[in-house]
Amino acid sequence: MNISAAQSFPVLLQKFFTERLLQQRHASPCTVAAYRDSFRLLLAFAHQRLHKRPSDITIEELNAPFILEFLRE
């Protein structure tokens, strides 16, 4: 599956924070911070394993086996 630049992982992640958490869910600052910190850990793990900058990671690379590996660490 080839996702357009408009639907790249960085764009989707930004939309998750701005549209989903803030606009739709009216999430508290603590909730947003918790998601932020979780994604920071995931992106650092992905950078270490995939040798890619966070902006170059694709959604396809963050598949279920990869996420399970992250959660086991």
PDB file of N, CA and C in Angstrom:
ATOM      1  N   MET A   1       0.851  -1.186   0.000  1.00  0.00           N
ATOM      2  CA  MET A   1       0.000   0.000   0.000  1.00  0.00           C
ATOM      3  C   MET A   1       0.886   1.236   0.000  1.00  0.00           C
ATOM      4  N   ASN A   2       0.615   2.152  -0.898  1.00  0.00           N
ATOM      5  CA  ASN A   2       1.385   3.370  -1.011  1.00  0.00           C
ATOM      6  C   ASN A   2       0.525   4.539  -0.543  1.00  0.00           C
ATOM      7  N   ILE A   3       0.917   5.145   0.563  1.00  0.00           N
ATOM      8  CA  ILE A   3       0.161   6.254   1.126  1.00  0.00           C
ATOM      9  C   ILE A   3       0.718   7.557   0.574  1.00  0.00           C
ATOM     10  N   SER A   4      -0.162   8.442   0.173  1.00  0.00           N
ATOM     11  CA  SER A   4       0.278   9.730  -0.369  1.00  0.00           C
ATOM     12  C   SER A   4       0.937  10.556   0.727  1.00  0.00           C
ATOM     13  N   ALA A   5       1.665  11.582   0.319  1.00  0.00           N
ATOM     14  CA  ALA A   5       2.341  12.453   1.279  1.00  0.00           C
ATOM     15  C   ALA A   5       1.349  13.086   2.248  1.00  0.00           C
ATOM     16  N   ALA A   6       0.136  13.338   1.779  1.00  0.00           N
ATOM     17  CA  ALA A   6      -0.882  13.937   2.638  1.00  0.00           C
ATOM     18  C   ALA A   6      -1.313  12.990   3.743  1.00  0.00           C
ATOM     19  N   GLN A   7      -1.102  11.688   3.565  1.00  0.00           N
ATOM     20  CA  GLN A   7      -1.488  10.710   4.571  1.00  0.00           C
ATOM     21  C   GLN A   7      -0.275   9.967   5.125  1.00  0.00           C
ATOM     22  N   SER A   8       0.888  10.595   5.087  1.00  0.00           N
ATOM     23  CA  SER A   8       2.097   9.974   5.619  1.00  0.00           C
ATOM     24  C   SER A   8       1.990   9.864   7.135  1.00  0.00           C
ATOM     25  N   PHE A   9       2.830   9.026   7.716  1.00  0.00           N
ATOM     26  CA  PHE A   9       2.782   8.843   9.163  1.00  0.00           C
ATOM     27  C   PHE A   9       2.929  10.156   9.935  1.00  0.00           C
ATOM     28  N   PRO A  10       3.907  11.017   9.597  1.00  0.00           N
ATOM     29  CA  PRO A  10       4.003  12.279  10.344  1.00  0.00           C
ATOM     30  C   PRO A  10       2.727  13.127  10.259  1.00  0.00           C
ATOM     31  N   VAL A  11       2.106  13.146   9.098  1.00  0.00           N
ATOM     32  CA  VAL A  11       0.867  13.918   8.934  1.00  0.00           C
ATOM     33  C   VAL A  11      -0.258  13.284   9.751  1.00  0.00           C
ATOM     34  N   LEU A  12      -0.373  11.965   9.694  1.00  0.00           N
ATOM     35  CA  LEU A  12      -1.399  11.274  10.470  1.00  0.00           C
ATOM     36  C   LEU A  12      -1.202  11.483  11.968  1.00  0.00           C
ATOM     37  N   LEU A  13       0.036  11.457  12.415  1.00  0.00           N
ATOM     38  CA  LEU A  13       0.320  11.656  13.829  1.00  0.00           C
ATOM     39  C   LEU A  13      -0.050  13.078  14.263  1.00  0.00           C
ATOM     40  N   GLN A  14       0.285  14.040  13.446  1.00  0.00           N
ATOM     41  CA  GLN A  14      -0.073  15.423  13.767  1.00  0.00           C
ATOM     42  C   GLN A  14      -1.588  15.589  13.811  1.00  0.00           C
ATOM     43  N   LYS A  15      -2.289  14.995  12.855  1.00  0.00           N
ATOM     44  CA  LYS A  15      -3.751  15.070  12.849  1.00  0.00           C
ATOM     45  C   LYS A  15      -4.351  14.398  14.077  1.00  0.00           C
ATOM     46  N   PHE A  16      -3.744  13.298  14.519  1.00  0.00           N
ATOM     47  CA  PHE A  16      -4.222  12.619  15.714  1.00  0.00           C
ATOM     48  C   PHE A  16      -4.204  13.568  16.910  1.00  0.00           C
ATOM     49  N   PHE A  17      -3.117  14.307  17.046  1.00  0.00           N
ATOM     50  CA  PHE A  17      -3.025  15.240  18.168  1.00  0.00           C
ATOM     51  C   PHE A  17      -3.933  16.447  17.997  1.00  0.00           C
ATOM     52  N   THR A  18      -3.895  17.071  16.827  1.00  0.00           N
ATOM     53  CA  THR A  18      -4.636  18.326  16.655  1.00  0.00           C
ATOM     54  C   THR A  18      -6.133  18.122  16.446  1.00  0.00           C
ATOM     55  N   GLU A  19      -6.494  17.125  15.639  1.00  0.00           N
ATOM     56  CA  GLU A  19      -7.911  16.930  15.332  1.00  0.00           C
ATOM     57  C   GLU A  19      -8.592  15.983  16.314  1.00  0.00           C
ATOM     58  N   ARG A  20      -7.994  14.823  16.503  1.00  0.00           N
ATOM     59  CA  ARG A  20      -8.659  13.811  17.334  1.00  0.00           C
ATOM     60  C   ARG A  20      -8.611  14.162  18.821  1.00  0.00           C
ATOM     61  N   LEU A  21      -7.419  14.332  19.351  1.00  0.00           N
ATOM     62  CA  LEU A  21      -7.310  14.572  20.788  1.00  0.00           C
ATOM     63  C   LEU A  21      -7.832  15.943  21.194  1.00  0.00           C
ATOM     64  N   LEU A  22      -7.394  16.971  20.506  1.00  0.00           N
ATOM     65  CA  LEU A  22      -7.738  18.321  20.938  1.00  0.00           C
ATOM     66  C   LEU A  22      -9.129  18.778  20.496  1.00  0.00           C
ATOM     67  N   GLN A  23      -9.442  18.627  19.210  1.00  0.00           N
ATOM     68  CA  GLN A  23     -10.708  19.148  18.698  1.00  0.00           C
ATOM     69  C   GLN A  23     -11.894  18.230  18.975  1.00  0.00           C
ATOM     70  N   GLN A  24     -11.737  16.944  18.709  1.00  0.00           N
ATOM     71  CA  GLN A  24     -12.857  16.023  18.846  1.00  0.00           C
ATOM     72  C   GLN A  24     -13.044  15.531  20.274  1.00  0.00           C
ATOM     73  N   ARG A  25     -11.966  15.162  20.931  1.00  0.00           N
ATOM     74  CA  ARG A  25     -12.058  14.556  22.263  1.00  0.00           C
ATOM     75  C   ARG A  25     -11.897  15.566  23.392  1.00  0.00           C
ATOM     76  N   HIS A  26     -11.423  16.770  23.079  1.00  0.00           N
ATOM     77  CA  HIS A  26     -11.173  17.794  24.099  1.00  0.00           C
ATOM     78  C   HIS A  26     -10.351  17.209  25.246  1.00  0.00           C
ATOM     79  N   ALA A  27      -9.290  16.510  24.869  1.00  0.00           N
ATOM     80  CA  ALA A  27      -8.442  15.825  25.840  1.00  0.00           C
ATOM     81  C   ALA A  27      -7.743  16.829  26.752  1.00  0.00           C
ATOM     82  N   SER A  28      -7.536  16.408  27.978  1.00  0.00           N
ATOM     83  CA  SER A  28      -6.853  17.253  28.957  1.00  0.00           C
ATOM     84  C   SER A  28      -5.372  17.368  28.594  1.00  0.00           C
ATOM     85  N   PRO A  29      -4.722  18.403  29.093  1.00  0.00           N
ATOM     86  CA  PRO A  29      -3.286  18.536  28.851  1.00  0.00           C
ATOM     87  C   PRO A  29      -2.493  17.311  29.339  1.00  0.00           C
ATOM     88  N   CYS A  30      -2.927  16.705  30.426  1.00  0.00           N
ATOM     89  CA  CYS A  30      -2.234  15.506  30.929  1.00  0.00           C
ATOM     90  C   CYS A  30      -2.391  14.337  29.961  1.00  0.00           C
ATOM     91  N   THR A  31      -3.558  14.193  29.362  1.00  0.00           N
ATOM     92  CA  THR A  31      -3.780  13.120  28.392  1.00  0.00           C
ATOM     93  C   THR A  31      -2.921  13.342  27.159  1.00  0.00           C
ATOM     94  N   VAL A  32      -2.895  14.555  26.664  1.00  0.00           N
ATOM     95  CA  VAL A  32      -2.075  14.881  25.492  1.00  0.00           C
ATOM     96  C   VAL A  32      -0.603  14.619  25.806  1.00  0.00           C
ATOM     97  N   ALA A  33      -0.156  15.007  26.990  1.00  0.00           N
ATOM     98  CA  ALA A  33       1.239  14.783  27.375  1.00  0.00           C
ATOM     99  C   ALA A  33       1.557  13.290  27.458  1.00  0.00           C
ATOM    100  N   ALA A  34       0.622  12.500  27.954  1.00  0.00           N
ATOM    101  CA  ALA A  34       0.846  11.053  28.042  1.00  0.00           C
ATOM    102  C   ALA A  34       0.986  10.441  26.650  1.00  0.00           C
ATOM    103  N   TYR A  35       0.113  10.839  25.723  1.00  0.00           N
ATOM    104  CA  TYR A  35       0.241  10.354  24.342  1.00  0.00           C
ATOM    105  C   TYR A  35       1.555  10.831  23.726  1.00  0.00           C
ATOM    106  N   ARG A  36       1.898  12.082  23.953  1.00  0.00           N
ATOM    107  CA  ARG A  36       3.150  12.634  23.426  1.00  0.00           C
ATOM    108  C   ARG A  36       4.337  11.804  23.906  1.00  0.00           C
ATOM    109  N   ASP A  37       4.380  11.539  25.199  1.00  0.00           N
ATOM    110  CA  ASP A  37       5.499  10.782  25.764  1.00  0.00           C
ATOM    111  C   ASP A  37       5.546   9.357  25.220  1.00  0.00           C
ATOM    112  N   SER A  38       4.381   8.749  25.046  1.00  0.00           N
ATOM    113  CA  SER A  38       4.328   7.394  24.487  1.00  0.00           C
ATOM    114  C   SER A  38       4.849   7.367  23.060  1.00  0.00           C
ATOM    115  N   PHE A  39       4.429   8.339  22.271  1.00  0.00           N
ATOM    116  CA  PHE A  39       4.918   8.393  20.890  1.00  0.00           C
ATOM    117  C   PHE A  39       6.406   8.716  20.833  1.00  0.00           C
ATOM    118  N   ARG A  40       6.896   9.512  21.759  1.00  0.00           N
ATOM    119  CA  ARG A  40       8.338   9.782  21.796  1.00  0.00           C
ATOM    120  C   ARG A  40       9.114   8.485  22.021  1.00  0.00           C
ATOM    121  N   LEU A  41       8.635   7.672  22.950  1.00  0.00           N
ATOM    122  CA  LEU A  41       9.289   6.385  23.207  1.00  0.00           C
ATOM    123  C   LEU A  41       9.218   5.474  21.985  1.00  0.00           C
ATOM    124  N   LEU A  42       8.044   5.409  21.358  1.00  0.00           N
ATOM    125  CA  LEU A  42       7.887   4.580  20.165  1.00  0.00           C
ATOM    126  C   LEU A  42       8.797   5.053  19.039  1.00  0.00           C
ATOM    127  N   LEU A  43       8.859   6.348  18.812  1.00  0.00           N
ATOM    128  CA  LEU A  43       9.684   6.877  17.727  1.00  0.00           C
ATOM    129  C   LEU A  43      11.176   6.690  18.003  1.00  0.00           C
ATOM    130  N   ALA A  44      11.573   6.801  19.254  1.00  0.00           N
ATOM    131  CA  ALA A  44      12.976   6.543  19.599  1.00  0.00           C
ATOM    132  C   ALA A  44      13.313   5.067  19.367  1.00  0.00           C
ATOM    133  N   PHE A  45      12.403   4.183  19.739  1.00  0.00           N
ATOM    134  CA  PHE A  45      12.576   2.755  19.507  1.00  0.00           C
ATOM    135  C   PHE A  45      12.655   2.474  18.006  1.00  0.00           C
ATOM    136  N   ALA A  46      11.763   3.076  17.240  1.00  0.00           N
ATOM    137  CA  ALA A  46      11.745   2.878  15.787  1.00  0.00           C
ATOM    138  C   ALA A  46      13.037   3.410  15.158  1.00  0.00           C
ATOM    139  N   HIS A  47      13.497   4.539  15.629  1.00  0.00           N
ATOM    140  CA  HIS A  47      14.752   5.095  15.112  1.00  0.00           C
ATOM    141  C   HIS A  47      15.905   4.126  15.363  1.00  0.00           C
ATOM    142  N   GLN A  48      15.958   3.564  16.555  1.00  0.00           N
ATOM    143  CA  GLN A  48      17.016   2.620  16.913  1.00  0.00           C
ATOM    144  C   GLN A  48      16.945   1.353  16.065  1.00  0.00           C
ATOM    145  N   ARG A  49      15.740   0.834  15.853  1.00  0.00           N
ATOM    146  CA  ARG A  49      15.569  -0.433  15.137  1.00  0.00           C
ATOM    147  C   ARG A  49      15.611  -0.271  13.613  1.00  0.00           C
ATOM    148  N   LEU A  50      15.007   0.802  13.121  1.00  0.00           N
ATOM    149  CA  LEU A  50      14.881   0.990  11.673  1.00  0.00           C
ATOM    150  C   LEU A  50      15.966   1.888  11.083  1.00  0.00           C
ATOM    151  N   HIS A  51      16.696   2.584  11.942  1.00  0.00           N
ATOM    152  CA  HIS A  51      17.742   3.507  11.499  1.00  0.00           C
ATOM    153  C   HIS A  51      17.168   4.578  10.564  1.00  0.00           C
ATOM    154  N   LYS A  52      16.022   5.092  10.967  1.00  0.00           N
ATOM    155  CA  LYS A  52      15.358   6.154  10.200  1.00  0.00           C
ATOM    156  C   LYS A  52      14.981   7.290  11.132  1.00  0.00           C
ATOM    157  N   ARG A  53      14.988   8.480  10.582  1.00  0.00           N
ATOM    158  CA  ARG A  53      14.475   9.621  11.342  1.00  0.00           C
ATOM    159  C   ARG A  53      12.977   9.427  11.525  1.00  0.00           C
ATOM    160  N   PRO A  54      12.394   9.949  12.595  1.00  0.00           N
ATOM    161  CA  PRO A  54      10.952   9.805  12.782  1.00  0.00           C
ATOM    162  C   PRO A  54      10.124  10.299  11.596  1.00  0.00           C
ATOM    163  N   SER A  55      10.590  11.338  10.937  1.00  0.00           N
ATOM    164  CA  SER A  55       9.844  11.872   9.790  1.00  0.00           C
ATOM    165  C   SER A  55       9.877  10.948   8.576  1.00  0.00           C
ATOM    166  N   ASP A  56      10.776   9.969   8.581  1.00  0.00           N
ATOM    167  CA  ASP A  56      10.890   9.038   7.456  1.00  0.00           C
ATOM    168  C   ASP A  56      10.236   7.682   7.718  1.00  0.00           C
ATOM    169  N   ILE A  57       9.729   7.489   8.910  1.00  0.00           N
ATOM    170  CA  ILE A  57       9.071   6.222   9.247  1.00  0.00           C
ATOM    171  C   ILE A  57       7.705   6.173   8.582  1.00  0.00           C
ATOM    172  N   THR A  58       7.372   5.015   8.051  1.00  0.00           N
ATOM    173  CA  THR A  58       6.062   4.859   7.410  1.00  0.00           C
ATOM    174  C   THR A  58       5.115   4.093   8.327  1.00  0.00           C
ATOM    175  N   ILE A  59       3.850   4.264   8.094  1.00  0.00           N
ATOM    176  CA  ILE A  59       2.833   3.568   8.888  1.00  0.00           C
ATOM    177  C   ILE A  59       2.939   2.060   8.702  1.00  0.00           C
ATOM    178  N   GLU A  60       3.350   1.637   7.524  1.00  0.00           N
ATOM    179  CA  GLU A  60       3.493   0.203   7.256  1.00  0.00           C
ATOM    180  C   GLU A  60       4.580  -0.425   8.128  1.00  0.00           C
ATOM    181  N   GLU A  61       5.592   0.351   8.468  1.00  0.00           N
ATOM    182  CA  GLU A  61       6.683  -0.166   9.297  1.00  0.00           C
ATOM    183  C   GLU A  61       6.257  -0.351  10.755  1.00  0.00           C
ATOM    184  N   LEU A  62       5.217   0.335  11.144  1.00  0.00           N
ATOM    185  CA  LEU A  62       4.724   0.240  12.514  1.00  0.00           C
ATOM    186  C   LEU A  62       3.599  -0.795  12.586  1.00  0.00           C
ATOM    187  N   ASN A  63       3.915  -1.988  12.139  1.00  0.00           N
ATOM    188  CA  ASN A  63       2.917  -3.062  12.093  1.00  0.00           C
ATOM    189  C   ASN A  63       2.810  -3.738  13.460  1.00  0.00           C
ATOM    190  N   ALA A  64       1.891  -4.678  13.582  1.00  0.00           N
ATOM    191  CA  ALA A  64       1.633  -5.335  14.867  1.00  0.00           C
ATOM    192  C   ALA A  64       2.878  -6.004  15.454  1.00  0.00           C
ATOM    193  N   PRO A  65       3.649  -6.793  14.682  1.00  0.00           N
ATOM    194  CA  PRO A  65       4.849  -7.397  15.268  1.00  0.00           C
ATOM    195  C   PRO A  65       5.845  -6.349  15.792  1.00  0.00           C
ATOM    196  N   PHE A  66       5.968  -5.247  15.078  1.00  0.00           N
ATOM    197  CA  PHE A  66       6.886  -4.188  15.510  1.00  0.00           C
ATOM    198  C   PHE A  66       6.399  -3.563  16.814  1.00  0.00           C
ATOM    199  N   ILE A  67       5.117  -3.272  16.906  1.00  0.00           N
ATOM    200  CA  ILE A  67       4.553  -2.676  18.122  1.00  0.00           C
ATOM    201  C   ILE A  67       4.681  -3.641  19.300  1.00  0.00           C
ATOM    202  N   LEU A  68       4.457  -4.922  19.051  1.00  0.00           N
ATOM    203  CA  LEU A  68       4.632  -5.907  20.128  1.00  0.00           C
ATOM    204  C   LEU A  68       6.076  -5.956  20.610  1.00  0.00           C
ATOM    205  N   GLU A  69       7.017  -5.849  19.688  1.00  0.00           N
ATOM    206  CA  GLU A  69       8.424  -5.814  20.064  1.00  0.00           C
ATOM    207  C   GLU A  69       8.704  -4.583  20.930  1.00  0.00           C
ATOM    208  N   PHE A  70       8.150  -3.444  20.535  1.00  0.00           N
ATOM    209  CA  PHE A  70       8.293  -2.213  21.307  1.00  0.00           C
ATOM    210  C   PHE A  70       7.720  -2.394  22.714  1.00  0.00           C
ATOM    211  N   LEU A  71       6.564  -2.976  22.822  1.00  0.00           N
ATOM    212  CA  LEU A  71       5.918  -3.144  24.124  1.00  0.00           C
ATOM    213  C   LEU A  71       6.675  -4.124  25.017  1.00  0.00           C
ATOM    214  N   ARG A  72       7.383  -5.050  24.436  1.00  0.00           N
ATOM    215  CA  ARG A  72       8.171  -6.020  25.223  1.00  0.00           C
ATOM    216  C   ARG A  72       9.449  -5.422  25.775  1.00  0.00           C
ATOM    217  N   GLU A  73       9.931  -4.354  25.158  1.00  0.00           N
ATOM    218  CA  GLU A  73      11.197  -3.724  25.592  1.00  0.00           C
ATOM    219  C   GLU A  73      11.042  -3.006  26.898  1.00  0.00           C
TER     220      GLU A  73
END
